[in-house]
N, C-alpha and C. Protein backbone atom coordinates (compact mmCIF):
# COMPACT_ATOMS: atom_id res chain seq x y z
N UNK A 1 -1.34 23.88 -24.22
CA UNK A 1 -2.41 23.73 -23.27
C UNK A 1 -3.53 22.92 -23.91
N UNK A 2 -4.07 21.96 -23.19
CA UNK A 2 -5.10 21.09 -23.73
C UNK A 2 -6.40 21.87 -23.89
N UNK A 3 -7.13 21.54 -24.94
CA UNK A 3 -8.41 22.19 -25.18
C UNK A 3 -9.43 21.66 -24.19
N UNK A 4 -10.26 22.55 -23.73
CA UNK A 4 -11.32 22.15 -22.81
C UNK A 4 -12.49 21.64 -23.64
N UNK A 5 -12.92 20.45 -23.34
CA UNK A 5 -14.02 19.86 -24.10
C UNK A 5 -15.34 20.32 -23.51
N UNK A 6 -16.25 20.64 -24.38
CA UNK A 6 -17.56 21.07 -23.92
C UNK A 6 -18.46 19.85 -23.81
N UNK A 7 -19.28 19.84 -22.80
CA UNK A 7 -20.21 18.75 -22.60
C UNK A 7 -21.32 18.85 -23.64
N UNK A 8 -21.73 17.73 -24.23
CA UNK A 8 -22.83 17.79 -25.19
C UNK A 8 -24.15 18.15 -24.52
N UNK A 9 -24.20 17.97 -23.20
CA UNK A 9 -25.40 18.31 -22.44
C UNK A 9 -25.32 19.75 -21.97
N UNK A 10 -26.36 20.50 -22.22
CA UNK A 10 -26.41 21.86 -21.69
C UNK A 10 -27.51 21.87 -20.63
N UNK A 11 -27.10 21.76 -19.37
CA UNK A 11 -28.06 21.69 -18.27
C UNK A 11 -28.13 23.01 -17.53
N UNK A 12 -29.33 23.38 -17.17
CA UNK A 12 -29.47 24.54 -16.30
C UNK A 12 -29.19 24.09 -14.88
N UNK A 13 -29.07 25.03 -13.99
CA UNK A 13 -28.83 24.69 -12.59
C UNK A 13 -29.93 23.82 -12.01
N UNK A 14 -31.17 24.14 -12.36
CA UNK A 14 -32.31 23.39 -11.84
C UNK A 14 -32.32 21.96 -12.39
N UNK A 15 -32.02 21.81 -13.69
CA UNK A 15 -31.97 20.46 -14.27
C UNK A 15 -30.86 19.63 -13.63
N UNK A 16 -29.72 20.25 -13.38
CA UNK A 16 -28.62 19.54 -12.73
C UNK A 16 -29.03 19.09 -11.34
N UNK A 17 -29.71 19.97 -10.61
CA UNK A 17 -30.18 19.62 -9.26
C UNK A 17 -31.14 18.43 -9.30
N UNK A 18 -32.06 18.45 -10.27
CA UNK A 18 -33.03 17.36 -10.40
C UNK A 18 -32.33 16.05 -10.78
N UNK A 19 -31.34 16.12 -11.67
CA UNK A 19 -30.61 14.91 -12.08
C UNK A 19 -29.86 14.32 -10.89
N UNK A 20 -29.23 15.17 -10.08
CA UNK A 20 -28.53 14.68 -8.89
C UNK A 20 -29.51 14.04 -7.92
N UNK A 21 -30.67 14.65 -7.73
CA UNK A 21 -31.67 14.09 -6.82
C UNK A 21 -32.11 12.71 -7.28
N UNK A 22 -32.31 12.54 -8.58
CA UNK A 22 -32.74 11.24 -9.11
C UNK A 22 -31.64 10.20 -8.92
N UNK A 23 -30.38 10.56 -9.22
CA UNK A 23 -29.28 9.62 -9.06
C UNK A 23 -29.10 9.21 -7.61
N UNK A 24 -29.25 10.14 -6.68
CA UNK A 24 -29.14 9.81 -5.25
C UNK A 24 -30.29 8.91 -4.85
N UNK A 25 -31.50 9.21 -5.33
CA UNK A 25 -32.67 8.41 -4.98
C UNK A 25 -32.55 6.98 -5.50
N UNK A 26 -31.98 6.82 -6.69
CA UNK A 26 -31.82 5.49 -7.27
C UNK A 26 -30.64 4.73 -6.68
N UNK A 27 -29.85 5.38 -5.86
CA UNK A 27 -28.72 4.71 -5.23
C UNK A 27 -27.49 4.64 -6.12
N UNK A 28 -27.47 5.37 -7.21
CA UNK A 28 -26.33 5.35 -8.11
C UNK A 28 -25.27 6.37 -7.70
N UNK A 29 -25.64 7.24 -6.78
CA UNK A 29 -24.75 8.28 -6.32
C UNK A 29 -25.11 8.57 -4.87
N UNK A 30 -24.09 8.69 -4.03
CA UNK A 30 -24.35 8.97 -2.62
C UNK A 30 -24.39 10.48 -2.40
N UNK A 31 -25.24 10.88 -1.48
CA UNK A 31 -25.34 12.29 -1.13
C UNK A 31 -24.01 12.80 -0.60
N UNK A 32 -23.27 11.93 0.11
CA UNK A 32 -21.98 12.35 0.66
C UNK A 32 -20.98 12.65 -0.47
N UNK A 33 -21.07 11.93 -1.60
CA UNK A 33 -20.19 12.20 -2.73
C UNK A 33 -20.47 13.59 -3.31
N UNK A 34 -21.76 13.92 -3.42
CA UNK A 34 -22.14 15.24 -3.93
C UNK A 34 -21.66 16.32 -2.98
N UNK A 35 -21.85 16.11 -1.68
CA UNK A 35 -21.43 17.08 -0.67
C UNK A 35 -19.92 17.30 -0.72
N UNK A 36 -19.15 16.20 -0.84
CA UNK A 36 -17.70 16.31 -0.90
C UNK A 36 -17.25 17.04 -2.17
N UNK A 37 -17.91 16.77 -3.29
CA UNK A 37 -17.57 17.45 -4.54
C UNK A 37 -17.82 18.95 -4.41
N UNK A 38 -18.93 19.32 -3.79
CA UNK A 38 -19.22 20.75 -3.59
C UNK A 38 -18.21 21.39 -2.64
N UNK A 39 -17.78 20.65 -1.62
CA UNK A 39 -16.78 21.18 -0.70
C UNK A 39 -15.44 21.38 -1.41
N UNK A 40 -15.07 20.42 -2.27
CA UNK A 40 -13.83 20.57 -3.04
C UNK A 40 -13.90 21.79 -3.95
N UNK A 41 -15.06 22.01 -4.57
CA UNK A 41 -15.26 23.17 -5.44
C UNK A 41 -15.13 24.46 -4.64
N UNK A 42 -15.76 24.51 -3.46
CA UNK A 42 -15.67 25.71 -2.62
C UNK A 42 -14.23 25.97 -2.19
N UNK A 43 -13.50 24.91 -1.84
CA UNK A 43 -12.11 25.05 -1.42
C UNK A 43 -11.25 25.57 -2.58
N UNK A 44 -11.50 25.05 -3.78
CA UNK A 44 -10.76 25.50 -4.96
C UNK A 44 -11.02 26.98 -5.23
N UNK A 45 -12.28 27.40 -5.13
CA UNK A 45 -12.63 28.81 -5.34
C UNK A 45 -11.94 29.69 -4.31
N UNK A 46 -11.95 29.26 -3.03
CA UNK A 46 -11.27 30.04 -1.98
C UNK A 46 -9.78 30.17 -2.26
N UNK A 47 -9.16 29.06 -2.67
CA UNK A 47 -7.72 29.09 -2.97
C UNK A 47 -7.42 30.04 -4.14
N UNK A 48 -8.24 29.95 -5.18
CA UNK A 48 -8.02 30.82 -6.34
C UNK A 48 -8.21 32.29 -5.97
N UNK A 49 -9.22 32.59 -5.15
CA UNK A 49 -9.42 33.97 -4.71
C UNK A 49 -8.26 34.47 -3.87
N UNK A 50 -7.73 33.60 -3.01
CA UNK A 50 -6.60 34.01 -2.17
C UNK A 50 -5.38 34.29 -3.05
N UNK A 51 -5.15 33.45 -4.04
CA UNK A 51 -4.01 33.65 -4.93
C UNK A 51 -4.18 34.92 -5.76
N UNK A 52 -5.41 35.18 -6.21
CA UNK A 52 -5.67 36.40 -6.96
C UNK A 52 -5.47 37.63 -6.09
N UNK A 53 -5.91 37.57 -4.86
CA UNK A 53 -5.73 38.69 -3.94
C UNK A 53 -4.24 38.93 -3.70
N UNK A 54 -3.46 37.87 -3.62
CA UNK A 54 -2.02 38.01 -3.43
C UNK A 54 -1.39 38.69 -4.64
N UNK A 55 -1.90 38.39 -5.83
CA UNK A 55 -1.38 39.04 -7.03
C UNK A 55 -1.77 40.52 -7.07
N UNK A 56 -2.97 40.81 -6.63
CA UNK A 56 -3.44 42.18 -6.66
C UNK A 56 -2.83 43.04 -5.54
N UNK A 57 -2.19 42.41 -4.58
CA UNK A 57 -1.65 43.13 -3.43
C UNK A 57 -0.63 44.18 -3.84
N UNK A 58 0.03 44.01 -4.91
CA UNK A 58 0.98 45.01 -5.38
C UNK A 58 2.04 44.38 -6.25
N UNK A 59 2.42 45.12 -7.26
CA UNK A 59 3.40 44.60 -8.21
C UNK A 59 4.75 44.40 -7.53
N UNK A 60 5.15 45.35 -6.69
CA UNK A 60 6.46 45.23 -6.04
C UNK A 60 6.51 44.04 -5.09
N UNK A 61 5.45 43.91 -4.27
CA UNK A 61 5.43 42.79 -3.32
C UNK A 61 5.41 41.46 -4.07
N UNK A 62 4.59 41.42 -5.12
CA UNK A 62 4.49 40.18 -5.89
C UNK A 62 5.82 39.88 -6.58
N UNK A 63 6.49 40.95 -7.08
CA UNK A 63 7.78 40.75 -7.74
C UNK A 63 8.81 40.19 -6.79
N UNK A 64 8.83 40.72 -5.56
CA UNK A 64 9.77 40.18 -4.57
C UNK A 64 9.43 38.73 -4.22
N UNK A 65 8.14 38.46 -4.13
CA UNK A 65 7.72 37.11 -3.79
C UNK A 65 8.09 36.12 -4.89
N UNK A 66 7.98 36.57 -6.14
CA UNK A 66 8.35 35.71 -7.27
C UNK A 66 9.81 35.33 -7.18
N UNK A 67 10.63 36.31 -6.88
CA UNK A 67 12.05 36.04 -6.79
C UNK A 67 12.39 35.13 -5.61
N UNK A 68 11.63 35.28 -4.55
CA UNK A 68 11.96 34.55 -3.32
C UNK A 68 11.31 33.16 -3.27
N UNK A 69 10.01 33.09 -3.48
CA UNK A 69 9.27 31.84 -3.20
C UNK A 69 8.67 31.16 -4.43
N UNK A 70 8.72 31.74 -5.57
CA UNK A 70 7.97 31.23 -6.68
C UNK A 70 6.75 32.12 -6.86
N UNK A 71 5.85 31.80 -7.76
CA UNK A 71 4.78 32.73 -8.09
C UNK A 71 3.75 32.90 -7.00
N UNK A 72 3.29 31.82 -6.40
CA UNK A 72 2.25 31.93 -5.38
C UNK A 72 2.87 31.78 -4.00
N UNK A 73 2.28 32.41 -2.99
CA UNK A 73 2.83 32.26 -1.65
C UNK A 73 2.76 30.79 -1.22
N UNK A 74 3.80 30.36 -0.61
CA UNK A 74 3.83 28.96 -0.19
C UNK A 74 3.11 28.80 1.13
N UNK A 75 2.47 27.68 1.29
CA UNK A 75 1.80 27.38 2.55
C UNK A 75 2.68 26.41 3.32
N UNK A 76 2.69 26.55 4.61
CA UNK A 76 3.50 25.65 5.42
C UNK A 76 2.85 24.28 5.46
N UNK A 77 3.64 23.29 5.23
CA UNK A 77 3.12 21.92 5.30
C UNK A 77 3.18 21.45 6.74
N UNK A 78 2.22 20.60 7.07
CA UNK A 78 2.23 20.01 8.40
C UNK A 78 3.37 19.01 8.48
N UNK A 79 4.06 19.03 9.58
CA UNK A 79 5.16 18.10 9.78
C UNK A 79 4.55 16.75 10.12
N UNK A 80 4.97 15.74 9.40
CA UNK A 80 4.45 14.40 9.64
C UNK A 80 4.93 13.92 11.01
N UNK A 81 3.99 13.37 11.76
CA UNK A 81 4.33 12.86 13.07
C UNK A 81 5.16 11.61 12.94
N UNK A 82 6.21 11.54 13.73
CA UNK A 82 7.09 10.38 13.66
C UNK A 82 6.39 9.17 14.26
N UNK A 83 6.58 8.03 13.64
CA UNK A 83 5.98 6.80 14.13
C UNK A 83 6.67 6.41 15.44
N UNK A 84 5.88 6.17 16.49
CA UNK A 84 6.52 5.86 17.76
C UNK A 84 7.27 4.53 17.71
N UNK A 85 8.40 4.50 18.36
CA UNK A 85 9.18 3.26 18.39
C UNK A 85 8.59 2.35 19.45
N UNK A 86 8.55 1.07 19.13
CA UNK A 86 8.07 0.11 20.12
C UNK A 86 9.16 -0.92 20.36
N UNK A 87 9.13 -1.45 21.54
CA UNK A 87 10.16 -2.42 21.91
C UNK A 87 9.89 -3.76 21.23
N UNK A 88 10.88 -4.61 21.25
CA UNK A 88 10.74 -5.94 20.64
C UNK A 88 9.67 -6.75 21.37
N UNK A 89 9.61 -6.59 22.70
CA UNK A 89 8.61 -7.33 23.48
C UNK A 89 7.19 -6.89 23.11
N UNK A 90 7.00 -5.58 22.95
CA UNK A 90 5.68 -5.07 22.57
C UNK A 90 5.31 -5.54 21.18
N UNK A 91 6.29 -5.51 20.26
CA UNK A 91 6.03 -5.98 18.90
C UNK A 91 5.61 -7.45 18.91
N UNK A 92 6.26 -8.26 19.74
CA UNK A 92 5.93 -9.68 19.84
C UNK A 92 4.51 -9.88 20.36
N UNK A 93 4.12 -9.04 21.33
CA UNK A 93 2.76 -9.14 21.87
C UNK A 93 1.74 -8.79 20.79
N UNK A 94 2.02 -7.74 19.99
CA UNK A 94 1.11 -7.36 18.90
C UNK A 94 0.99 -8.49 17.88
N UNK A 95 2.12 -9.14 17.57
CA UNK A 95 2.10 -10.23 16.60
C UNK A 95 1.28 -11.40 17.12
N UNK A 96 1.47 -11.72 18.41
CA UNK A 96 0.69 -12.82 19.00
C UNK A 96 -0.80 -12.51 18.96
N UNK A 97 -1.16 -11.25 19.26
CA UNK A 97 -2.56 -10.87 19.23
C UNK A 97 -3.13 -11.02 17.82
N UNK A 98 -2.34 -10.65 16.81
CA UNK A 98 -2.78 -10.80 15.43
C UNK A 98 -2.96 -12.26 15.04
N UNK A 99 -2.03 -13.10 15.45
CA UNK A 99 -2.16 -14.54 15.16
C UNK A 99 -3.38 -15.14 15.85
N UNK A 100 -3.61 -14.69 17.09
CA UNK A 100 -4.76 -15.18 17.85
C UNK A 100 -6.06 -14.81 17.15
N UNK A 101 -6.18 -13.54 16.74
CA UNK A 101 -7.40 -13.10 16.06
C UNK A 101 -7.58 -13.81 14.72
N UNK A 102 -6.48 -14.03 14.00
CA UNK A 102 -6.56 -14.73 12.72
C UNK A 102 -7.00 -16.18 12.92
N UNK A 103 -6.56 -16.78 14.02
CA UNK A 103 -6.95 -18.17 14.29
C UNK A 103 -8.42 -18.24 14.71
N UNK A 104 -8.92 -17.21 15.39
CA UNK A 104 -10.31 -17.20 15.85
C UNK A 104 -11.30 -16.96 14.71
N UNK A 105 -10.89 -16.19 13.72
CA UNK A 105 -11.81 -15.70 12.68
C UNK A 105 -12.65 -16.80 12.02
N UNK A 106 -12.07 -17.93 11.59
CA UNK A 106 -12.91 -18.91 10.88
C UNK A 106 -13.77 -19.79 11.79
N UNK A 107 -13.64 -19.65 13.10
CA UNK A 107 -14.34 -20.55 14.02
C UNK A 107 -15.77 -20.11 14.27
N UNK A 108 -16.60 -21.10 14.67
CA UNK A 108 -17.98 -20.80 15.05
C UNK A 108 -17.99 -20.16 16.44
N UNK A 109 -19.15 -19.67 16.86
CA UNK A 109 -19.23 -19.00 18.16
C UNK A 109 -18.92 -19.95 19.31
N UNK A 110 -19.39 -21.15 19.20
CA UNK A 110 -19.12 -22.13 20.25
C UNK A 110 -17.64 -22.46 20.37
N UNK A 111 -16.99 -22.64 19.20
CA UNK A 111 -15.56 -22.94 19.19
C UNK A 111 -14.76 -21.75 19.70
N UNK A 112 -15.22 -20.55 19.38
CA UNK A 112 -14.54 -19.35 19.88
C UNK A 112 -14.59 -19.28 21.40
N UNK A 113 -15.73 -19.62 21.95
CA UNK A 113 -15.88 -19.60 23.41
C UNK A 113 -14.90 -20.58 24.06
N UNK A 114 -14.75 -21.77 23.44
CA UNK A 114 -13.80 -22.74 23.97
C UNK A 114 -12.36 -22.22 23.93
N UNK A 115 -12.02 -21.59 22.81
CA UNK A 115 -10.66 -21.06 22.64
C UNK A 115 -10.41 -19.93 23.63
N UNK A 116 -11.42 -19.09 23.86
CA UNK A 116 -11.27 -17.99 24.82
C UNK A 116 -11.04 -18.53 26.23
N UNK A 117 -11.73 -19.64 26.54
CA UNK A 117 -11.52 -20.26 27.85
C UNK A 117 -10.10 -20.79 27.97
N UNK A 118 -9.59 -21.38 26.88
CA UNK A 118 -8.22 -21.88 26.89
C UNK A 118 -7.24 -20.73 27.06
N UNK A 119 -7.51 -19.61 26.42
CA UNK A 119 -6.63 -18.45 26.54
C UNK A 119 -6.58 -17.94 27.98
N UNK A 120 -7.73 -17.89 28.59
CA UNK A 120 -7.79 -17.42 29.97
C UNK A 120 -7.02 -18.34 30.91
N UNK A 121 -7.13 -19.64 30.63
CA UNK A 121 -6.53 -20.64 31.52
C UNK A 121 -5.03 -20.85 31.23
N UNK A 122 -4.66 -20.98 29.93
CA UNK A 122 -3.30 -21.40 29.60
C UNK A 122 -2.49 -20.37 28.81
N UNK A 123 -3.09 -19.29 28.34
CA UNK A 123 -2.33 -18.27 27.62
C UNK A 123 -2.60 -18.25 26.13
N UNK A 124 -1.97 -17.27 25.48
CA UNK A 124 -2.24 -17.02 24.06
C UNK A 124 -1.72 -18.14 23.18
N UNK A 125 -0.51 -18.62 23.43
CA UNK A 125 0.06 -19.68 22.58
C UNK A 125 -0.81 -20.93 22.58
N UNK A 126 -1.27 -21.32 23.76
CA UNK A 126 -2.12 -22.50 23.86
C UNK A 126 -3.46 -22.26 23.15
N UNK A 127 -3.98 -21.05 23.24
CA UNK A 127 -5.24 -20.72 22.59
C UNK A 127 -5.10 -20.77 21.08
N UNK A 128 -3.97 -20.28 20.57
CA UNK A 128 -3.75 -20.32 19.11
C UNK A 128 -3.67 -21.78 18.65
N UNK A 129 -2.97 -22.59 19.40
CA UNK A 129 -2.85 -24.01 19.04
C UNK A 129 -4.23 -24.68 19.06
N UNK A 130 -5.02 -24.37 20.09
CA UNK A 130 -6.37 -24.96 20.20
C UNK A 130 -7.25 -24.49 19.04
N UNK A 131 -7.16 -23.23 18.68
CA UNK A 131 -7.98 -22.69 17.59
C UNK A 131 -7.60 -23.35 16.27
N UNK A 132 -6.33 -23.54 16.04
CA UNK A 132 -5.89 -24.20 14.79
C UNK A 132 -6.36 -25.65 14.75
N UNK A 133 -6.36 -26.28 15.91
CA UNK A 133 -6.81 -27.67 16.01
C UNK A 133 -8.30 -27.76 15.73
N UNK A 134 -9.08 -26.80 16.26
CA UNK A 134 -10.53 -26.81 16.04
C UNK A 134 -10.88 -26.43 14.60
N UNK A 135 -10.05 -25.65 13.95
CA UNK A 135 -10.33 -25.21 12.59
C UNK A 135 -10.21 -26.34 11.58
N UNK A 136 -9.38 -27.33 11.89
CA UNK A 136 -9.19 -28.44 10.94
C UNK A 136 -10.14 -29.56 11.19
């Protein structure tokens, strides 16, 4: 087991709070990062307490659980949702939309307006061609 290294800094709770406030104020640390770290700590404490309670529940129950599931009770994992299948025609439409947006991206606002008018009048393929022509 690896040795736990001690921090050379010995901070009290109040000093740690003040240091965090200064780092957040200076923009070197976001308040959301501190909040998330505290939430992770709370979640870890809850998990450890639940596991300890499971151990304290009884030697016989724990012994049976060890033989059956491993040392700690297993939690059910969420079943990953299957990716919906799309037809070839839908996939082609998505690809055209991506090409159209990629062709529009480097254009100025005026050129974009022209390309949008072409799309309305002649369709996506013509609009992509017009956008590529205007980009060069």
